[in-house]
Each structure stands twice: as structure tokens, then as C-alpha cells.
Amino acid sequence: MKGGAALGRPFWLVWGAGAASYAGDGLVAGALPLLAASLTRDPRLIAAVDACLYVGWLLLGLVSGVVVDRVDRLGLMWRVDVVRAVLFAVFAAFVITAHVRISLILVLSLILGLAAPFFANASSSVLPELVPDAQIERANSYTQTSIVVLSNLVGPPVGAALFVAATGAPFVLNAVSFAVSALLVAWGAAVRRTRPAGVLVPSVSSTGATAPTAPGVRGALAEGIAFLRGHRVLGVLAVTVGVVNLVVGGIMGILVLYVLEVLKLPEEAYGWLISAFAVGGLGGSLVTPRLVRWTGPATVANAAVIVFGVVVLSLGLTRNLVVVGIALMVGGFASLMWNIVTISYRQRVVPRTLLGRVTSVYRMAAFIAVPVGAVGAGWLAHAIGIQHTYLIGGLILLVTSALVFRRIGEMSQVTPG
């Protein structure tokens, strides 16, 4: 089962939808911070734009998990993409007509943040329904590769260049990308409905027990929270990713100012440095399944947290462009190692009827940390400077890696069914 056909047409249609969406996201990742920086140089407001994208996890993260476990996941995904396509079309009109303000950017980021939990939870939870269990790492590797290449490697520099050439172009293209994504997901849903009965395996946990569905929203949430709290490895992974995202959210929230004010580079360089991170991530996405087979998921996960700390420290210690570029590449490699190994582990050990809720609780811990970190880093950078803020973040990550090392070491390889 090594050929691409083993993953099936529904997976590839959903993967193509994600690829279209990630390409648009990459354009906006390169353009939106530059648009915000053209309106204000206050690091608190710049960081707030990034923070608003994640506030939705605080407000709707848990509820989205219940919804994902109770509705058709692909149907939910394409409907969310339709909403996002319309939002970006309207926003692009404001940008093109020069009526955009920092307040409008904050509102857009907030609305997108409210929609994100529904799409993200559904996308992660539906994957085990689309591919054979033995192909989960491979499917996640392809998904993460598309994120790296399109959202991080190609998109940001192109988005930054387009912003300089034609300010509204990246936002128009993102609206188109969401529309294409919605069409492909809807197509994938239609194809899946035509598959013979019994193709999809039933929802089972790693112990073989079928998960019940709780009747009420509160009971449904309690099931997901109880499962995560009762699982020693998943619980510590959720705490760890929360700390990592707290720091990384802060670092990325003020990265545009790090590029413009610390490194003294032109606006276009922001997109290229994000691409350096993506180049490392591409390498990580390609080799991680093999690393997991060779060393086990625990070694890969622990190594990723340690590398995160070293990378952030190095950004705080140098202004050398070559060192910064290498550090970002290494950080990208570690990021994809972490994502692939932890997502695959979660998809295997959680019952499928609980996967939406457990994923929502897990991701809520992860994503709530991002706006907190972004806002905190903005205020801290305003008070003590950008590089000192990075130094503090690196030290936090290294301390965290020491505290969780033994518990993550309990992660064992779950044999594909």
C-alpha cells in the first residue's frame, strides 16, 4: 500500500481543496502583516491582528468539537469555505478602494478566527475516514507538505511581492482559493457517498472499544475532556503544545517588526524569511514518517521541543541574516516533525466518534496560547525590545522540554490496524 492510489479519490479531492486554501493563506500571510504595518508600527496592534485569528478557539473551540462529531464533516468544511470566500471578497474591495483601516483588519481577523475551529477540527477528524489506517502518517505527511509548500514556502514571498505591486491582489486571490476549496470538498463529499457500504472502518479506540455519543452538549464536551485528561500522553502533549504555541505565537506576531527594525531589511524580505522556515518544514514533512519508524514518536516529539527552544534563542542572540535564515529552516523542520507525529498519534488513539471533541479540546489548548503569546510579546517587545523578548521565549521552551521529557517518552508506537 505504498502507491498514491491507496489513499483514494476522496482523500485527494479534500487534499486538493486544502492545497488551494493553503495557497491563498500563504498569499495573505505575506501581505496582511505588511498591510497592517503600512497603517501602524505599534507592535501591540500588529500582534493583535495575529491574536484575533485565534480568539475563535477561546469562544467556539469546544463547541466546534461537538458540532464536528454530530454533522457530516465534509459538508461542514465546504460551507465554512464559502463563508470565508465571501469575507475575503468583501475585504479585497475595501483594500482596492483604499478604505481599509487597522480596525477593519482586526474585525476580519476576528471573524476568520471564529470560523477556523469548525474547519480545522473537521479537517483533522475526517482524515481517518478517508484513508486506510496504515496510511495515516503518509496522508498527514502529504497534508503537511501542502501546507509548507503553499502556505509557507511559495505563498508568503509571492503575497509580499503582489502587495507591493498591487495591494489588493493577494486578498482577491485568497477569496478565489476559498471558493475553489469549497467546490473540491463538496465534490469529495459526493464521491464518498457513492462508495460501497463497509469501506470505512467503524470508530474504535486503540483498545478496541466503541465510543458512545453523549446526548447533550455539556455531556458531549465532558466525554472529550475526560478522554484527554485520562490519557497520560495526550494530556502532556496538549500542555506542551500550549507552551510551544505561546512562545511561537509571540515570535510570529512580531516577526514582521523583527525583519523591518532589527534586521533592517525591506518589506519583501519578510516573505522570504517565512519561506526559509518553510524549506526546513518541507524537509521535515518528507523524512518524519521514516524517523518515526526508526526512532519512535517519543524521540521525534522530544527532539522537536528542544530544537524550538534553541531556534528562538538564536533569533534573540543574533542579527546575522545567514544565522537567522538557518535557524528558521531548522525551526521549520522541527515544526513539521512535531505536527506529523502528534497528529497521527492522536488520530490513532482516540475513538473516531470522540475525535472531533478531543481534537477541539487539544487544539483549544494549542490555539488559545497563540493570541495570548502574540499580545504578550507585543507588549513585552514594546517594553524591553524585540530581541530580549525572543531570549525569554527561548528559555521558556528549553525549561519546558526538560519538564516534559520523561512523560513524552512514554509515547509508544501505535501499530496501524
Protein backbone atom coordinates (compact mmCIF):
# COMPACT_ATOMS: atom_id res chain seq x y z
CA MET A 1 0.00 0.00 0.00
CA LYS A 2 2.69 2.41 -0.96
CA GLY A 3 1.16 3.75 -4.14
CA GLY A 4 -0.68 7.06 -4.24
CA ALA A 5 -3.90 5.34 -5.35
CA ALA A 6 -4.15 3.60 -1.97
CA LEU A 7 -5.26 6.89 -0.41
CA GLY A 8 -8.35 7.08 -2.63
CA ARG A 9 -10.11 9.80 -4.61
CA PRO A 10 -12.00 11.36 -1.65
CA PHE A 11 -8.69 12.00 0.12
CA TRP A 12 -7.09 13.54 -2.96
CA LEU A 13 -10.06 15.81 -3.59
CA VAL A 14 -10.01 17.00 0.01
CA TRP A 15 -6.23 17.33 -0.20
CA GLY A 16 -6.60 19.43 -3.36
CA ALA A 17 -9.14 21.63 -1.60
CA GLY A 18 -6.72 22.14 1.25
CA ALA A 19 -3.92 22.92 -1.20
CA ALA A 20 -5.99 25.66 -2.84
CA SER A 21 -6.89 27.12 0.54
CA TYR A 22 -3.29 26.94 1.83
CA ALA A 23 -2.05 28.76 -1.26
CA GLY A 24 -4.42 31.64 -0.55
CA ASP A 25 -3.48 31.62 3.12
CA GLY A 26 0.17 31.90 2.13
CA LEU A 27 -0.52 34.96 -0.01
CA VAL A 28 -2.30 36.63 2.89
CA ALA A 29 0.43 35.60 5.36
CA GLY A 30 2.87 37.60 3.25
CA ALA A 31 0.54 40.53 2.60
CA LEU A 32 -1.63 41.10 5.68
CA PRO A 33 1.20 41.93 8.14
CA LEU A 34 2.63 44.36 5.57
CA LEU A 35 -0.80 45.94 5.14
CA ALA A 36 -1.08 46.29 8.92
CA ALA A 37 2.46 47.66 9.18
CA SER A 38 1.62 50.24 6.49
CA LEU A 39 -1.13 51.54 8.79
CA THR A 40 0.71 51.40 12.14
CA ARG A 41 4.12 50.49 13.57
CA ASP A 42 2.78 49.89 17.08
CA PRO A 43 3.85 46.32 17.96
CA ARG A 44 0.77 45.92 20.17
CA LEU A 45 -1.60 46.47 17.24
CA ILE A 46 0.50 44.38 14.85
CA ALA A 47 0.43 41.49 17.35
CA ALA A 48 -3.31 41.99 17.94
CA VAL A 49 -4.01 41.24 14.26
CA ASP A 50 -2.40 37.83 14.65
CA ALA A 51 -4.08 37.29 18.02
CA CYS A 52 -7.58 37.89 16.64
CA LEU A 53 -7.14 34.98 14.23
CA TYR A 54 -7.07 32.63 17.23
CA VAL A 55 -9.68 34.16 19.53
CA GLY A 56 -12.29 31.91 17.93
CA TRP A 57 -10.73 28.94 19.66
CA LEU A 58 -11.47 30.54 23.02
CA LEU A 59 -15.06 31.36 22.12
CA LEU A 60 -16.10 28.42 19.93
CA GLY A 61 -13.31 25.85 20.08
CA LEU A 62 -15.10 23.37 22.35
CA VAL A 63 -18.49 23.83 20.72
CA SER A 64 -16.95 23.19 17.30
CA GLY A 65 -15.82 19.77 18.50
CA VAL A 66 -19.38 18.77 19.38
CA VAL A 67 -20.62 20.03 16.01
CA VAL A 68 -17.90 18.13 14.14
CA ASP A 69 -18.89 14.87 15.86
CA ARG A 70 -22.58 15.36 15.03
CA VAL A 71 -22.69 16.57 11.41
CA ASP A 72 -21.19 15.50 8.10
CA ARG A 73 -17.60 16.71 8.40
CA LEU A 74 -17.01 17.35 4.70
CA GLY A 75 -20.30 19.23 4.43
CA LEU A 76 -19.25 21.47 7.30
CA MET A 77 -15.87 22.12 5.67
CA TRP A 78 -17.20 23.35 2.32
CA ARG A 79 -19.81 25.58 3.97
CA VAL A 80 -17.13 27.26 6.11
CA ASP A 81 -15.03 27.84 2.99
CA VAL A 82 -17.96 29.54 1.24
CA VAL A 83 -18.26 31.97 4.15
CA ARG A 84 -14.52 32.68 4.08
CA ALA A 85 -14.55 33.26 0.32
CA VAL A 86 -17.27 35.90 0.69
CA LEU A 87 -15.46 37.60 3.58
CA PHE A 88 -12.22 37.95 1.65
CA ALA A 89 -14.01 39.18 -1.45
CA VAL A 90 -15.57 42.00 0.58
CA PHE A 91 -12.28 42.76 2.33
CA ALA A 92 -10.44 42.89 -1.01
CA ALA A 93 -12.93 45.50 -2.20
CA PHE A 94 -12.11 47.68 0.83
CA VAL A 95 -8.38 47.32 0.18
CA ILE A 96 -8.66 48.09 -3.55
CA THR A 97 -10.75 51.21 -2.88
CA ALA A 98 -8.30 52.39 -0.17
CA HIS A 99 -10.93 52.29 2.59
CA VAL A 100 -9.10 49.78 4.78
CA ARG A 101 -8.23 50.68 8.37
CA ILE A 102 -6.44 48.76 11.11
CA SER A 103 -9.80 48.33 12.84
CA LEU A 104 -11.19 46.60 9.74
CA ILE A 105 -8.21 44.24 9.66
CA LEU A 106 -8.87 43.35 13.30
CA VAL A 107 -12.56 42.67 12.57
CA LEU A 108 -11.69 40.46 9.59
CA SER A 109 -9.15 38.53 11.65
CA LEU A 110 -11.71 38.03 14.42
CA ILE A 111 -14.43 36.69 12.08
CA LEU A 112 -11.97 34.36 10.36
CA GLY A 113 -10.86 33.19 13.78
CA LEU A 114 -14.45 32.32 14.71
CA ALA A 115 -14.81 30.16 11.58
CA ALA A 116 -11.43 28.45 11.83
CA PRO A 117 -12.19 25.91 14.63
CA PHE A 118 -15.04 24.34 12.67
CA PHE A 119 -12.96 23.79 9.53
CA ALA A 120 -9.76 22.77 11.34
CA ASN A 121 -11.45 20.23 13.63
CA ALA A 122 -13.48 18.75 10.77
CA SER A 123 -10.42 18.51 8.52
CA SER A 124 -8.34 16.68 11.10
CA SER A 125 -11.17 14.43 12.28
CA VAL A 126 -12.30 13.34 8.82
CA LEU A 127 -8.90 12.07 7.65
CA PRO A 128 -9.16 8.61 9.31
CA GLU A 129 -12.48 8.18 7.46
CA LEU A 130 -10.84 8.81 4.09
CA VAL A 131 -7.69 6.65 4.19
CA PRO A 132 -6.68 3.20 5.46
CA ASP A 133 -5.28 3.20 8.98
CA ALA A 134 -1.85 2.07 7.78
CA GLN A 135 -1.63 5.21 5.60
CA ILE A 136 -2.34 7.83 8.29
CA GLU A 137 1.26 9.07 8.63
CA ARG A 138 1.59 9.19 4.87
CA ALA A 139 -1.67 11.12 4.45
CA ASN A 140 -0.67 13.57 7.19
CA SER A 141 2.74 13.96 5.56
CA TYR A 142 1.11 14.92 2.24
CA THR A 143 -1.20 17.34 4.02
CA GLN A 144 1.62 18.97 5.95
CA THR A 145 3.72 19.16 2.80
CA SER A 146 0.99 21.12 1.01
CA ILE A 147 0.79 23.48 3.98
CA VAL A 148 4.54 24.01 3.97
CA VAL A 149 4.98 24.46 0.24
CA LEU A 150 1.92 26.58 -0.49
CA SER A 151 1.16 28.36 2.77
CA ASN A 152 4.75 28.94 3.90
CA LEU A 153 7.20 28.48 1.03
CA VAL A 154 5.53 29.85 -2.10
CA GLY A 155 2.66 31.93 -0.76
CA PRO A 156 4.33 34.48 1.56
CA PRO A 157 7.02 35.80 -0.82
CA VAL A 158 4.53 35.91 -3.68
CA GLY A 159 1.97 37.60 -1.41
CA ALA A 160 4.51 40.18 -0.27
CA ALA A 161 5.59 40.87 -3.85
CA LEU A 162 1.99 41.15 -5.02
CA PHE A 163 1.19 43.50 -2.15
CA VAL A 164 4.00 45.82 -3.23
CA ALA A 165 2.89 45.65 -6.88
CA ALA A 166 -0.92 45.66 -6.43
CA THR A 167 -2.15 45.96 -2.86
CA GLY A 168 -5.48 44.17 -3.28
CA ALA A 169 -4.29 41.25 -5.41
CA PRO A 170 -3.35 38.81 -2.60
CA PHE A 171 -6.76 39.22 -0.97
CA VAL A 172 -8.68 38.73 -4.23
CA LEU A 173 -6.72 35.53 -4.89
CA ASN A 174 -7.42 34.27 -1.37
CA ALA A 175 -11.15 34.71 -1.93
CA VAL A 176 -10.81 32.66 -5.12
CA SER A 177 -8.81 29.97 -3.30
CA PHE A 178 -11.54 29.50 -0.68
CA ALA A 179 -14.17 29.21 -3.42
CA VAL A 180 -12.12 26.53 -5.21
CA SER A 181 -11.59 24.72 -1.91
CA ALA A 182 -15.34 24.69 -1.22
CA LEU A 183 -16.05 23.19 -4.64
CA LEU A 184 -13.44 20.44 -4.25
CA VAL A 185 -14.59 19.46 -0.75
CA ALA A 186 -18.20 19.28 -1.97
CA TRP A 187 -17.02 17.08 -4.84
CA GLY A 188 -15.12 14.86 -2.40
CA ALA A 189 -18.24 14.52 -0.26
CA ALA A 190 -20.25 13.48 -3.30
CA VAL A 191 -17.64 10.89 -4.32
CA ARG A 192 -17.53 9.45 -0.81
CA ARG A 193 -21.30 8.98 -0.77
CA THR A 194 -21.00 6.73 -3.84
CA ARG A 195 -18.50 4.38 -2.17
CA PRO A 196 -19.76 0.88 -1.32
CA ALA A 197 -21.03 0.29 2.20
CA GLY A 198 -18.45 -1.03 4.60
CA VAL A 199 -15.46 0.76 3.04
CA LEU A 200 -14.98 2.89 6.12
CA VAL A 201 -13.99 1.05 9.27
CA PRO A 202 -16.04 1.61 12.46
CA SER A 203 -14.97 4.06 15.12
CA VAL A 204 -12.76 2.28 17.62
CA SER A 205 -10.20 3.30 20.16
CA SER A 206 -6.72 1.87 20.46
CA THR A 207 -8.15 -0.67 22.88
CA GLY A 208 -10.91 -1.69 20.50
CA ALA A 209 -13.81 -0.15 22.44
CA THR A 210 -16.52 1.66 20.52
CA ALA A 211 -17.08 5.19 21.80
CA PRO A 212 -20.62 6.19 22.85
CA THR A 213 -22.13 9.52 21.93
CA ALA A 214 -23.31 11.64 24.84
CA PRO A 215 -26.84 13.15 24.46
CA GLY A 216 -26.30 16.79 25.43
CA VAL A 217 -23.70 19.40 24.50
CA ARG A 218 -22.37 19.51 28.06
CA GLY A 219 -22.19 15.73 28.27
CA ALA A 220 -20.56 15.52 24.85
CA LEU A 221 -17.89 18.02 25.87
CA ALA A 222 -17.35 16.19 29.14
CA GLU A 223 -16.61 12.99 27.24
CA GLY A 224 -13.93 14.65 25.14
CA ILE A 225 -12.34 16.40 28.11
CA ALA A 226 -12.41 13.23 30.22
CA PHE A 227 -10.73 11.20 27.50
CA LEU A 228 -7.95 13.76 27.07
CA ARG A 229 -7.39 14.16 30.81
CA GLY A 230 -7.35 10.41 31.32
CA HIS A 231 -4.78 9.75 28.61
CA ARG A 232 -1.32 10.36 30.07
CA VAL A 233 0.48 11.02 26.80
CA LEU A 234 -2.20 13.10 25.05
CA GLY A 235 -2.64 15.22 28.17
CA VAL A 236 1.02 16.16 28.37
CA LEU A 237 1.19 16.70 24.61
CA ALA A 238 -1.69 19.18 24.90
CA VAL A 239 0.08 21.09 27.68
CA THR A 240 3.35 21.06 25.77
CA VAL A 241 1.86 22.35 22.54
CA GLY A 242 0.16 25.09 24.54
CA VAL A 243 3.51 26.33 25.86
CA VAL A 244 5.17 25.99 22.45
CA ASN A 245 2.38 27.96 20.77
CA LEU A 246 2.50 30.60 23.50
CA VAL A 247 6.11 31.33 22.55
CA VAL A 248 5.84 30.74 18.81
CA GLY A 249 2.66 32.84 18.64
CA GLY A 250 4.58 35.68 20.23
CA ILE A 251 7.54 35.25 17.93
CA MET A 252 5.43 35.19 14.76
CA GLY A 253 3.19 38.02 15.97
CA ILE A 254 6.08 40.47 15.89
CA LEU A 255 8.25 38.80 13.23
CA VAL A 256 7.44 41.47 10.65
CA LEU A 257 8.91 44.08 13.01
CA TYR A 258 11.93 41.83 13.68
CA VAL A 259 12.57 41.80 9.92
CA LEU A 260 11.98 45.52 9.34
CA GLU A 261 13.50 47.01 12.50
CA VAL A 262 16.06 44.52 13.87
CA LEU A 263 17.41 43.06 10.63
CA LYS A 264 16.79 46.33 8.74
CA LEU A 265 15.51 44.51 5.65
CA PRO A 266 12.98 45.68 3.02
CA GLU A 267 9.35 44.59 3.13
CA GLU A 268 9.83 41.83 0.54
CA ALA A 269 12.33 40.07 2.83
CA TYR A 270 9.57 39.21 5.29
CA GLY A 271 8.05 36.74 2.87
CA TRP A 272 11.43 35.23 2.00
CA LEU A 273 12.30 34.57 5.64
CA ILE A 274 8.97 32.83 6.15
CA SER A 275 9.94 30.76 3.13
CA ALA A 276 13.19 29.76 4.85
CA PHE A 277 11.06 28.31 7.65
CA ALA A 278 9.00 26.51 5.01
CA VAL A 279 12.06 25.00 3.30
CA GLY A 280 13.01 23.35 6.58
CA GLY A 281 9.40 22.27 7.08
CA LEU A 282 9.36 20.63 3.67
CA GLY A 283 12.35 18.53 4.68
CA GLY A 284 10.63 17.63 7.95
CA SER A 285 7.43 16.59 6.20
CA LEU A 286 9.32 14.27 3.87
CA VAL A 287 11.50 12.47 6.42
CA THR A 288 9.34 12.38 9.55
CA PRO A 289 7.45 9.15 8.72
CA ARG A 290 10.83 7.45 8.30
CA LEU A 291 12.20 8.99 11.51
CA VAL A 292 9.17 7.69 13.41
CA ARG A 293 9.79 4.18 12.09
CA TRP A 294 13.49 4.36 13.03
CA THR A 295 13.37 6.05 16.45
CA GLY A 296 9.73 6.05 17.56
CA PRO A 297 7.36 9.01 18.08
CA ALA A 298 8.68 9.89 21.55
CA THR A 299 12.20 10.65 20.33
CA VAL A 300 10.87 12.75 17.45
CA ALA A 301 8.49 14.74 19.67
CA ASN A 302 11.10 15.43 22.37
CA ALA A 303 13.69 16.49 19.81
CA ALA A 304 11.23 18.94 18.27
CA VAL A 305 10.58 20.78 21.55
CA ILE A 306 14.31 21.12 22.27
CA VAL A 307 15.00 22.44 18.78
CA PHE A 308 12.19 25.01 19.12
CA GLY A 309 13.93 26.46 22.19
CA VAL A 310 17.34 26.64 20.53
CA VAL A 311 15.91 28.33 17.43
CA VAL A 312 14.08 31.06 19.36
CA LEU A 313 17.16 31.73 21.49
CA SER A 314 19.30 32.11 18.39
CA LEU A 315 16.93 34.74 16.97
CA GLY A 316 17.37 36.73 20.15
CA LEU A 317 21.16 36.46 20.08
CA THR A 318 21.99 37.47 16.51
CA ARG A 319 21.27 39.95 13.75
CA ASN A 320 23.21 37.95 11.17
CA LEU A 321 20.91 37.22 8.24
CA VAL A 322 22.57 33.88 7.42
CA VAL A 323 22.22 32.64 11.01
CA VAL A 324 18.60 33.80 11.13
CA GLY A 325 17.83 32.01 7.85
CA ILE A 326 19.41 28.75 9.04
CA ALA A 327 17.64 28.98 12.40
CA LEU A 328 14.27 29.44 10.72
CA MET A 329 14.92 26.46 8.43
CA VAL A 330 15.76 24.25 11.42
CA GLY A 331 12.68 25.53 13.23
CA GLY A 332 10.53 24.63 10.24
CA PHE A 333 11.97 21.11 10.20
CA ALA A 334 11.16 20.66 13.90
CA SER A 335 7.67 22.10 13.48
CA LEU A 336 6.69 19.54 10.85
CA MET A 337 8.21 16.70 12.88
CA TRP A 338 6.03 17.71 15.82
CA ASN A 339 2.88 18.15 13.75
CA ILE A 340 3.03 14.86 11.89
CA VAL A 341 3.93 12.68 14.85
CA THR A 342 1.43 14.19 17.30
CA ILE A 343 -1.49 14.46 14.83
CA SER A 344 -1.02 10.85 13.69
CA TYR A 345 -0.77 9.66 17.29
CA ARG A 346 -3.98 11.45 18.25
CA GLN A 347 -5.88 10.13 15.23
CA ARG A 348 -4.94 6.57 16.17
CA VAL A 349 -5.58 6.51 19.90
CA VAL A 350 -8.84 8.50 20.01
CA PRO A 351 -12.15 6.79 19.08
CA ARG A 352 -13.50 8.30 15.88
CA THR A 353 -16.84 9.23 17.43
CA LEU A 354 -14.87 11.24 20.00
CA LEU A 355 -12.19 12.57 17.67
CA GLY A 356 -13.87 15.90 16.93
CA ARG A 357 -14.33 16.70 20.62
CA VAL A 358 -10.91 15.52 21.74
CA THR A 359 -9.32 17.40 18.84
CA SER A 360 -11.23 20.55 19.77
CA VAL A 361 -10.05 20.41 23.39
CA TYR A 362 -6.48 19.63 22.32
CA ARG A 363 -6.42 22.37 19.70
CA MET A 364 -8.10 24.83 22.00
CA ALA A 365 -5.18 24.43 24.40
CA ALA A 366 -2.85 24.92 21.46
CA PHE A 367 -4.52 27.83 19.71
CA ILE A 368 -5.65 29.89 22.68
CA ALA A 369 -1.97 30.13 23.56
CA VAL A 370 -1.23 31.83 20.22
CA PRO A 371 -3.16 35.10 20.77
CA VAL A 372 -2.02 35.21 24.39
CA GLY A 373 1.57 34.84 23.23
CA ALA A 374 1.13 37.37 20.41
CA VAL A 375 -0.38 40.03 22.68
CA GLY A 376 2.15 39.31 25.43
CA ALA A 377 5.08 39.50 23.02
CA GLY A 378 3.75 42.75 21.59
CA TRP A 379 3.63 44.39 25.00
CA LEU A 380 6.93 42.86 26.09
CA ALA A 381 8.67 43.99 22.89
CA HIS A 382 7.26 47.47 23.43
CA ALA A 383 8.75 47.48 26.95
CA ILE A 384 12.13 45.70 26.59
CA GLY A 385 12.74 45.27 22.86
CA ILE A 386 12.17 42.55 20.30
CA GLN A 387 15.37 40.53 20.77
CA HIS A 388 15.08 40.43 24.56
CA THR A 389 11.54 39.12 24.09
CA TYR A 390 12.90 36.33 21.89
CA LEU A 391 15.51 35.40 24.50
CA ILE A 392 12.85 34.99 27.17
CA GLY A 393 10.77 32.83 24.83
CA GLY A 394 13.70 30.53 24.06
CA LEU A 395 14.43 29.98 27.74
CA ILE A 396 10.77 29.13 28.42
CA LEU A 397 10.85 26.45 25.72
CA LEU A 398 14.06 24.85 26.96
CA VAL A 399 12.73 24.65 30.51
CA THR A 400 9.52 23.11 29.19
CA SER A 401 11.44 20.49 27.22
CA ALA A 402 13.23 19.39 30.39
CA LEU A 403 9.98 19.16 32.38
CA VAL A 404 8.04 17.06 29.86
CA PHE A 405 10.88 14.90 28.51
CA ARG A 406 10.14 11.79 30.59
CA ARG A 407 6.37 11.92 30.16
CA ILE A 408 6.57 12.31 26.38
CA GLY A 409 9.00 9.40 26.49
CA GLU A 410 6.02 7.22 27.45
CA MET A 411 4.57 7.70 23.98
CA SER A 412 4.65 4.31 22.27
CA GLN A 413 4.20 3.49 18.64
CA VAL A 414 0.59 2.54 17.96
CA THR A 415 0.55 -0.30 15.45
CA PRO A 416 -1.60 0.52 12.41
CA GLY A 417 -4.76 -1.52 12.26
